C-alpha atoms as a PDB file:
ATOM      1  CA  MET A   1       0.000   0.000   0.000  1.00  0.00           C
ATOM      2  CA  VAL A   2       1.389   3.386  -1.000  1.00  0.00           C
ATOM      3  CA  SER A   3       1.527   5.943   1.798  1.00  0.00           C
ATOM      4  CA  PRO A   4      -0.833   8.921   1.829  1.00  0.00           C
ATOM      5  CA  HIS A   5       2.245  11.109   1.296  1.00  0.00           C
ATOM      6  CA  CYS A   6       3.121   9.277  -1.934  1.00  0.00           C
ATOM      7  CA  GLU A   7      -0.495   9.267  -3.070  1.00  0.00           C
ATOM      8  CA  ARG A   8      -0.503  13.055  -2.739  1.00  0.00           C
ATOM      9  CA  ILE A   9       2.813  13.414  -4.588  1.00  0.00           C
ATOM     10  CA  LEU A  10       1.685  11.206  -7.486  1.00  0.00           C
ATOM     11  CA  ARG A  11      -1.745  12.878  -7.675  1.00  0.00           C
ATOM     12  CA  ASN A  12      -0.092  16.316  -7.811  1.00  0.00           C
ATOM     13  CA  PHE A  13       2.226  15.081 -10.592  1.00  0.00           C
ATOM     14  CA  GLU A  14      -0.794  14.021 -12.668  1.00  0.00           C
ATOM     15  CA  ASP A  15      -1.784  17.682 -13.006  1.00  0.00           C
ATOM     16  CA  LEU A  16      -0.120  18.814 -16.246  1.00  0.00           C
ATOM     17  CA  ILE A  17       0.093  22.405 -15.009  1.00  0.00           C
ATOM     18  CA  ASN A  18       2.257  21.372 -12.029  1.00  0.00           C
ATOM     19  CA  ARG A  19       4.218  18.685 -13.844  1.00  0.00           C
ATOM     20  CA  LYS A  20       6.691  20.886 -15.719  1.00  0.00           C
ATOM     21  CA  GLU A  21       7.620  22.720 -12.518  1.00  0.00           C
ATOM     22  CA  ILE A  22       8.013  19.429 -10.642  1.00  0.00           C
ATOM     23  CA  CYS A  23      10.161  17.905 -13.393  1.00  0.00           C
ATOM     24  CA  TRP A  24      12.719  20.671 -13.133  1.00  0.00           C
ATOM     25  CA  ASP A  25      12.907  20.586  -9.350  1.00  0.00           C
ATOM     26  CA  PHE A  26      15.728  18.318  -8.123  1.00  0.00           C
ATOM     27  CA  ARG A  27      13.969  17.181  -4.953  1.00  0.00           C
ATOM     28  CA  GLU A  28      10.435  17.047  -6.313  1.00  0.00           C
ATOM     29  CA  ILE A  29      11.122  14.783  -9.301  1.00  0.00           C
ATOM     30  CA  ARG A  30      13.095  12.382  -7.143  1.00  0.00           C
ATOM     31  CA  ALA A  31      10.200  12.210  -4.699  1.00  0.00           C
ATOM     32  CA  VAL A  32       7.876  11.389  -7.594  1.00  0.00           C
ATOM     33  CA  VAL A  33      10.219   8.677  -8.857  1.00  0.00           C
ATOM     34  CA  MET A  34      10.601   7.096  -5.417  1.00  0.00           C
ATOM     35  CA  CYS A  35       6.839   7.085  -4.863  1.00  0.00           C
ATOM     36  CA  LYS A  36       6.222   5.615  -8.313  1.00  0.00           C
ATOM     37  CA  ALA A  37       8.852   2.949  -7.660  1.00  0.00           C
ATOM     38  CA  TRP A  38       7.185   2.069  -4.368  1.00  0.00           C
ATOM     39  CA  GLU A  39       3.831   1.840  -6.150  1.00  0.00           C
ATOM     40  CA  LEU A  40       5.332  -0.474  -8.785  1.00  0.00           C
ATOM     41  CA  MET A  41       6.939  -2.712  -6.147  1.00  0.00           C
ATOM     42  CA  GLU A  42       3.637  -2.984  -4.301  1.00  0.00           C
ATOM     43  CA  LYS A  43       1.452  -3.633  -7.343  1.00  0.00           C
ATOM     44  CA  GLU A  44       3.777  -5.717  -9.501  1.00  0.00           C
ATOM     45  CA  HIS A  45       6.049  -7.289  -6.868  1.00  0.00           C
ATOM     46  CA  ILE A  46       9.202  -6.369  -8.747  1.00  0.00           C
ATOM     47  CA  PRO A  47      12.677  -5.782  -7.263  1.00  0.00           C
ATOM     48  CA  PHE A  48      13.697  -2.285  -6.159  1.00  0.00           C
ATOM     49  CA  ARG A  49      16.278  -1.851  -8.922  1.00  0.00           C
ATOM     50  CA  GLU A  50      13.715  -2.675 -11.624  1.00  0.00           C
ATOM     51  CA  ALA A  51      11.110  -0.433 -10.010  1.00  0.00           C
ATOM     52  CA  ILE A  52      13.497   2.539  -9.920  1.00  0.00           C
ATOM     53  CA  ARG A  53      14.495   2.039 -13.553  1.00  0.00           C
ATOM     54  CA  ARG A  54      10.885   1.822 -14.675  1.00  0.00           C
ATOM     55  CA  ALA A  55       9.867   4.780 -12.522  1.00  0.00           C
ATOM     56  CA  TRP A  56      12.586   6.951 -14.117  1.00  0.00           C
ATOM     57  CA  ASP A  57      11.534   5.817 -17.599  1.00  0.00           C
ATOM     58  CA  TRP A  58       7.918   6.700 -16.769  1.00  0.00           C
ATOM     59  CA  ALA A  59       8.895  10.088 -15.292  1.00  0.00           C
ATOM     60  CA  LYS A  60      10.950  11.016 -18.352  1.00  0.00           C
ATOM     61  CA  ILE A  61       7.990  10.314 -20.635  1.00  0.00           C
ATOM     62  CA  GLU A  62       5.573  12.215 -18.387  1.00  0.00           C
ATOM     63  CA  CYS A  63       7.931  15.184 -18.124  1.00  0.00           C
ATOM     64  CA  ALA A  64       8.484  15.254 -21.892  1.00  0.00           C
ATOM     65  CA  GLU A  65       4.718  15.487 -22.378  1.00  0.00           C
ATOM     66  CA  ALA A  66       4.811  18.619 -20.212  1.00  0.00           C
ATOM     67  CA  GLY A  67       7.734  20.072 -22.213  1.00  0.00           C
ATOM     68  CA  ALA A  68      10.351  19.358 -19.549  1.00  0.00           C
ATOM     69  CA  TYR A  69      13.010  17.052 -20.956  1.00  0.00           C
ATOM     70  CA  ILE A  70      14.985  15.421 -18.155  1.00  0.00           C
END
């Protein structure tokens, strides 16, 4: 189960208006990636290393859609 903190972070990232700002913020994007990785580990029962890799891949695509290429 993802924590309420991570639920809030991921929900905020879904908002396209906030996403570009989050993508360019060093701490914020890493928080998003860690929460997404945790979500992937919980839902798909994958190892941490795989979850982090997939979370970064997902974040890069989401950020690119907002015009923030990371």
